[in-house]
Amino acid sequence: MVAMLHIEAVPALADNYIWLLRSAAAAVVVDPGDAAPVIDVLAAGGLRLEAVLLTHHHADHVGGVAELVARHPAPVFGPAAERIPTVDRPLSHGQRVSLAALGLDLRVVSVPGHTAGHLAYLGAGFALVGDTLFAGGCGRGFEGSPDAMHRSLSRLAALPRRTKI
């Protein structure tokens, strides 16, 4: 059960967001392309960084990880199938990520198409999908085929209707 979990969009770079999952004292960040806004939010809220979740290797999603974990040491979870130097907890489809400080247990789902090793994290009625799907469309296929993107989008479309993306 997730108690008092808040999910916030932290504006970053020119046109991106970093997702912050937080409780009263702890936080997990998703795809921190820029460390500065995350560091500011952690300081303002007196939050302890518990983990970093990465969906794929593009700089606008991983560019701030090294600086962030240098200041706030935390495990970095990300796709085993992609080369991301800061990942120390590589993940593949079907694995789980337990984030005890937030009372979360997330299922790892492969959603290739935008990148070959792209992952999504599902749990507690929400899905963190990176650039597989976002407002106004889906991520451009850089490394995947249109068929791979279609299969990934179909996998997300099969989630329960109440799932927040």
C-alpha atoms as a PDB file:
ATOM      1  CA  MET A   1       0.000   0.000   0.000  1.00  0.00           C
ATOM      2  CA  VAL A   2       1.262   3.451  -0.882  1.00  0.00           C
ATOM      3  CA  ALA A   3       0.824   5.930   1.944  1.00  0.00           C
ATOM      4  CA  MET A   4       0.819   9.636   1.176  1.00  0.00           C
ATOM      5  CA  LEU A   5       2.631   9.320  -2.120  1.00  0.00           C
ATOM      6  CA  HIS A   6       2.815  12.450  -4.228  1.00  0.00           C
ATOM      7  CA  ILE A   7       3.913  12.535  -7.850  1.00  0.00           C
ATOM      8  CA  GLU A   8       5.191  15.874  -9.103  1.00  0.00           C
ATOM      9  CA  ALA A   9       6.437  17.101 -12.461  1.00  0.00           C
ATOM     10  CA  VAL A  10       9.635  19.114 -12.028  1.00  0.00           C
ATOM     11  CA  PRO A  11      10.283  21.329 -15.085  1.00  0.00           C
ATOM     12  CA  ALA A  12      13.717  20.774 -16.600  1.00  0.00           C
ATOM     13  CA  LEU A  13      15.704  21.818 -19.641  1.00  0.00           C
ATOM     14  CA  ALA A  14      13.736  23.758 -22.253  1.00  0.00           C
ATOM     15  CA  ASP A  15      10.775  21.421 -22.689  1.00  0.00           C
ATOM     16  CA  ASN A  16      11.024  18.448 -20.377  1.00  0.00           C
ATOM     17  CA  TYR A  17       9.957  17.193 -16.957  1.00  0.00           C
ATOM     18  CA  ILE A  18      11.574  15.094 -14.293  1.00  0.00           C
ATOM     19  CA  TRP A  19       9.080  13.029 -12.346  1.00  0.00           C
ATOM     20  CA  LEU A  20       9.459  13.116  -8.571  1.00  0.00           C
ATOM     21  CA  LEU A  21       7.728  10.531  -6.398  1.00  0.00           C
ATOM     22  CA  ARG A  22       7.756  11.615  -2.791  1.00  0.00           C
ATOM     23  CA  SER A  23       6.536  10.955   0.698  1.00  0.00           C
ATOM     24  CA  ALA A  24       6.992  13.287   3.649  1.00  0.00           C
ATOM     25  CA  ALA A  25      10.732  12.565   3.912  1.00  0.00           C
ATOM     26  CA  ALA A  26      11.889  10.536   0.900  1.00  0.00           C
ATOM     27  CA  ALA A  27      11.938  10.923  -2.876  1.00  0.00           C
ATOM     28  CA  VAL A  28      12.600   8.938  -6.020  1.00  0.00           C
ATOM     29  CA  VAL A  29      13.324  10.733  -9.282  1.00  0.00           C
ATOM     30  CA  VAL A  30      12.649   9.483 -12.777  1.00  0.00           C
ATOM     31  CA  ASP A  31      14.851  10.466 -15.732  1.00  0.00           C
ATOM     32  CA  PRO A  32      16.744  13.434 -14.268  1.00  0.00           C
ATOM     33  CA  GLY A  33      18.130  15.060 -17.392  1.00  0.00           C
ATOM     34  CA  ASP A  34      19.257  18.006 -15.266  1.00  0.00           C
ATOM     35  CA  ALA A  35      20.428  17.758 -11.649  1.00  0.00           C
ATOM     36  CA  ALA A  36      19.815  21.373 -10.578  1.00  0.00           C
ATOM     37  CA  PRO A  37      16.010  21.375 -10.353  1.00  0.00           C
ATOM     38  CA  VAL A  38      16.023  18.052  -8.487  1.00  0.00           C
ATOM     39  CA  ILE A  39      18.656  19.267  -6.031  1.00  0.00           C
ATOM     40  CA  ASP A  40      16.546  22.383  -5.430  1.00  0.00           C
ATOM     41  CA  VAL A  41      13.354  20.368  -4.790  1.00  0.00           C
ATOM     42  CA  LEU A  42      15.153  17.966  -2.445  1.00  0.00           C
ATOM     43  CA  ALA A  43      16.596  20.870  -0.453  1.00  0.00           C
ATOM     44  CA  ALA A  44      13.329  22.835  -0.329  1.00  0.00           C
ATOM     45  CA  GLY A  45      11.383  19.811   0.886  1.00  0.00           C
ATOM     46  CA  GLY A  46      14.061  18.413   3.198  1.00  0.00           C
ATOM     47  CA  LEU A  47      13.840  15.186   1.203  1.00  0.00           C
ATOM     48  CA  ARG A  48      16.217  12.232   1.156  1.00  0.00           C
ATOM     49  CA  LEU A  49      16.885  10.798  -2.315  1.00  0.00           C
ATOM     50  CA  GLU A  50      16.098   7.067  -2.161  1.00  0.00           C
ATOM     51  CA  ALA A  51      16.623   6.085  -5.797  1.00  0.00           C
ATOM     52  CA  VAL A  52      16.850   7.186  -9.403  1.00  0.00           C
ATOM     53  CA  LEU A  53      14.814   5.372 -12.058  1.00  0.00           C
ATOM     54  CA  LEU A  54      15.883   5.642 -15.694  1.00  0.00           C
ATOM     55  CA  THR A  55      13.746   4.684 -18.676  1.00  0.00           C
ATOM     56  CA  HIS A  56      16.341   5.059 -21.439  1.00  0.00           C
ATOM     57  CA  HIS A  57      19.768   6.440 -22.310  1.00  0.00           C
ATOM     58  CA  HIS A  58      19.041   9.805 -23.985  1.00  0.00           C
ATOM     59  CA  ALA A  59      20.843  12.782 -22.464  1.00  0.00           C
ATOM     60  CA  ASP A  60      17.642  14.671 -21.675  1.00  0.00           C
ATOM     61  CA  HIS A  61      16.764  11.774 -19.349  1.00  0.00           C
ATOM     62  CA  VAL A  62      20.164  10.848 -17.849  1.00  0.00           C
ATOM     63  CA  GLY A  63      22.268  14.016 -18.134  1.00  0.00           C
ATOM     64  CA  GLY A  64      21.896  15.017 -14.492  1.00  0.00           C
ATOM     65  CA  VAL A  65      22.346  11.617 -12.852  1.00  0.00           C
ATOM     66  CA  ALA A  66      26.090  11.781 -12.124  1.00  0.00           C
ATOM     67  CA  GLU A  67      25.882  15.198 -10.447  1.00  0.00           C
ATOM     68  CA  LEU A  68      22.716  14.266  -8.568  1.00  0.00           C
ATOM     69  CA  VAL A  69      24.079  11.038  -7.051  1.00  0.00           C
ATOM     70  CA  ALA A  70      27.418  12.710  -6.293  1.00  0.00           C
ATOM     71  CA  ARG A  71      25.501  15.068  -3.993  1.00  0.00           C
ATOM     72  CA  HIS A  72      22.783  12.629  -2.917  1.00  0.00           C
ATOM     73  CA  PRO A  73      24.111   9.040  -3.085  1.00  0.00           C
ATOM     74  CA  ALA A  74      21.346   6.649  -4.129  1.00  0.00           C
ATOM     75  CA  PRO A  75      20.989   3.546  -6.273  1.00  0.00           C
ATOM     76  CA  VAL A  76      20.402   4.145  -9.980  1.00  0.00           C
ATOM     77  CA  PHE A  77      18.062   1.677 -11.671  1.00  0.00           C
ATOM     78  CA  GLY A  78      17.920   1.523 -15.457  1.00  0.00           C
ATOM     79  CA  PRO A  79      17.809  -0.630 -18.566  1.00  0.00           C
ATOM     80  CA  ALA A  80      20.370  -3.439 -18.630  1.00  0.00           C
ATOM     81  CA  ALA A  81      20.171  -3.397 -22.424  1.00  0.00           C
ATOM     82  CA  GLU A  82      21.422   0.192 -22.732  1.00  0.00           C
ATOM     83  CA  ARG A  83      24.812   1.706 -21.977  1.00  0.00           C
ATOM     84  CA  ILE A  84      24.266   4.136 -19.130  1.00  0.00           C
ATOM     85  CA  PRO A  85      27.437   4.498 -17.022  1.00  0.00           C
ATOM     86  CA  THR A  86      25.612   5.648 -13.883  1.00  0.00           C
ATOM     87  CA  VAL A  87      23.299   2.604 -13.683  1.00  0.00           C
ATOM     88  CA  ASP A  88      24.350   0.375 -10.807  1.00  0.00           C
ATOM     89  CA  ARG A  89      21.098  -1.635 -10.698  1.00  0.00           C
ATOM     90  CA  PRO A  90      20.517  -2.890 -14.267  1.00  0.00           C
ATOM     91  CA  LEU A  91      16.982  -4.092 -14.979  1.00  0.00           C
ATOM     92  CA  SER A  92      15.175  -6.196 -17.565  1.00  0.00           C
ATOM     93  CA  HIS A  93      11.546  -6.937 -18.398  1.00  0.00           C
ATOM     94  CA  GLY A  94       9.687  -8.715 -15.622  1.00  0.00           C
ATOM     95  CA  GLN A  95      11.909  -7.648 -12.747  1.00  0.00           C
ATOM     96  CA  ARG A  96      10.655  -5.633  -9.802  1.00  0.00           C
ATOM     97  CA  VAL A  97      11.976  -2.566  -8.001  1.00  0.00           C
ATOM     98  CA  SER A  98      11.116  -2.297  -4.323  1.00  0.00           C
ATOM     99  CA  LEU A  99      11.227   1.236  -2.936  1.00  0.00           C
ATOM    100  CA  ALA A 100      10.514   0.610   0.728  1.00  0.00           C
ATOM    101  CA  ALA A 101      10.821   4.238   1.848  1.00  0.00           C
ATOM    102  CA  LEU A 102       7.849   5.084  -0.387  1.00  0.00           C
ATOM    103  CA  GLY A 103       6.010   1.802   0.098  1.00  0.00           C
ATOM    104  CA  LEU A 104       6.271   1.045  -3.621  1.00  0.00           C
ATOM    105  CA  ASP A 105       6.836  -2.141  -5.547  1.00  0.00           C
ATOM    106  CA  LEU A 106       7.196  -1.426  -9.267  1.00  0.00           C
ATOM    107  CA  ARG A 107       7.111  -3.916 -12.125  1.00  0.00           C
ATOM    108  CA  VAL A 108       9.636  -3.373 -14.923  1.00  0.00           C
ATOM    109  CA  VAL A 109       8.199  -3.611 -18.435  1.00  0.00           C
ATOM    110  CA  SER A 110      10.119  -3.535 -21.698  1.00  0.00           C
ATOM    111  CA  VAL A 111       8.703  -0.918 -24.092  1.00  0.00           C
ATOM    112  CA  PRO A 112      11.171  -0.683 -27.000  1.00  0.00           C
ATOM    113  CA  GLY A 113      10.562   1.618 -29.920  1.00  0.00           C
ATOM    114  CA  HIS A 114      11.923   4.995 -28.862  1.00  0.00           C
ATOM    115  CA  THR A 115      15.147   3.204 -27.884  1.00  0.00           C
ATOM    116  CA  ALA A 116      15.926  -0.488 -28.106  1.00  0.00           C
ATOM    117  CA  GLY A 117      16.137  -1.036 -24.346  1.00  0.00           C
ATOM    118  CA  HIS A 118      13.481   1.426 -23.155  1.00  0.00           C
ATOM    119  CA  LEU A 119      11.749   0.459 -19.896  1.00  0.00           C
ATOM    120  CA  ALA A 120       8.581   1.503 -18.101  1.00  0.00           C
ATOM    121  CA  TYR A 121       7.825   1.145 -14.397  1.00  0.00           C
ATOM    122  CA  LEU A 122       4.309   0.092 -13.320  1.00  0.00           C
ATOM    123  CA  GLY A 123       2.736   0.058  -9.887  1.00  0.00           C
ATOM    124  CA  ALA A 124       0.294   1.627  -7.451  1.00  0.00           C
ATOM    125  CA  GLY A 125      -2.090   2.632 -10.244  1.00  0.00           C
ATOM    126  CA  PHE A 126       0.438   4.538 -12.360  1.00  0.00           C
ATOM    127  CA  ALA A 127       2.947   3.937 -15.141  1.00  0.00           C
ATOM    128  CA  LEU A 128       6.219   5.798 -15.662  1.00  0.00           C
ATOM    129  CA  VAL A 129       6.790   5.405 -19.396  1.00  0.00           C
ATOM    130  CA  GLY A 130       9.566   7.837 -20.361  1.00  0.00           C
ATOM    131  CA  ASP A 131       9.385   8.750 -24.044  1.00  0.00           C
ATOM    132  CA  THR A 132       7.296   5.798 -25.135  1.00  0.00           C
ATOM    133  CA  LEU A 133       4.110   7.806 -24.646  1.00  0.00           C
ATOM    134  CA  PHE A 134       3.466  11.390 -23.642  1.00  0.00           C
ATOM    135  CA  ALA A 135       0.968  14.201 -24.134  1.00  0.00           C
ATOM    136  CA  GLY A 136       0.425  14.747 -27.813  1.00  0.00           C
ATOM    137  CA  GLY A 137       1.921  11.486 -29.048  1.00  0.00           C
ATOM    138  CA  CYS A 138       4.643   8.953 -28.579  1.00  0.00           C
ATOM    139  CA  GLY A 139       8.393   9.119 -28.743  1.00  0.00           C
ATOM    140  CA  ARG A 140      10.043   9.096 -32.122  1.00  0.00           C
ATOM    141  CA  GLY A 141      11.591   5.742 -32.954  1.00  0.00           C
ATOM    142  CA  PHE A 142      15.337   6.316 -32.815  1.00  0.00           C
ATOM    143  CA  GLU A 143      16.480   2.717 -32.490  1.00  0.00           C
ATOM    144  CA  GLY A 144      13.325   0.684 -32.744  1.00  0.00           C
ATOM    145  CA  SER A 145      11.061  -0.245 -35.580  1.00  0.00           C
ATOM    146  CA  PRO A 146       7.500   1.004 -36.019  1.00  0.00           C
ATOM    147  CA  ASP A 147       6.382  -2.552 -35.189  1.00  0.00           C
ATOM    148  CA  ALA A 148       8.304  -2.480 -31.901  1.00  0.00           C
ATOM    149  CA  MET A 149       6.755   0.887 -30.995  1.00  0.00           C
ATOM    150  CA  HIS A 150       3.293  -0.433 -31.877  1.00  0.00           C
ATOM    151  CA  ARG A 151       3.782  -3.483 -29.646  1.00  0.00           C
ATOM    152  CA  SER A 152       4.966  -1.250 -26.795  1.00  0.00           C
ATOM    153  CA  LEU A 153       2.043   1.139 -27.170  1.00  0.00           C
ATOM    154  CA  SER A 154      -0.318  -1.845 -27.317  1.00  0.00           C
ATOM    155  CA  ARG A 155       1.206  -3.150 -24.082  1.00  0.00           C
ATOM    156  CA  LEU A 156       0.503   0.224 -22.436  1.00  0.00           C
ATOM    157  CA  ALA A 157      -3.009   0.381 -23.938  1.00  0.00           C
ATOM    158  CA  ALA A 158      -3.759  -2.971 -22.273  1.00  0.00           C
ATOM    159  CA  LEU A 159      -3.169  -1.514 -18.788  1.00  0.00           C
ATOM    160  CA  PRO A 160      -6.271  -0.978 -16.649  1.00  0.00           C
ATOM    161  CA  ARG A 161      -8.141   2.178 -17.733  1.00  0.00           C
ATOM    162  CA  ARG A 162      -7.626   3.779 -14.323  1.00  0.00           C
ATOM    163  CA  THR A 163      -3.821   3.652 -14.707  1.00  0.00           C
ATOM    164  CA  LYS A 164      -2.306   7.139 -14.624  1.00  0.00           C
ATOM    165  CA  ILE A 165       0.412   7.607 -17.214  1.00  0.00           C
END
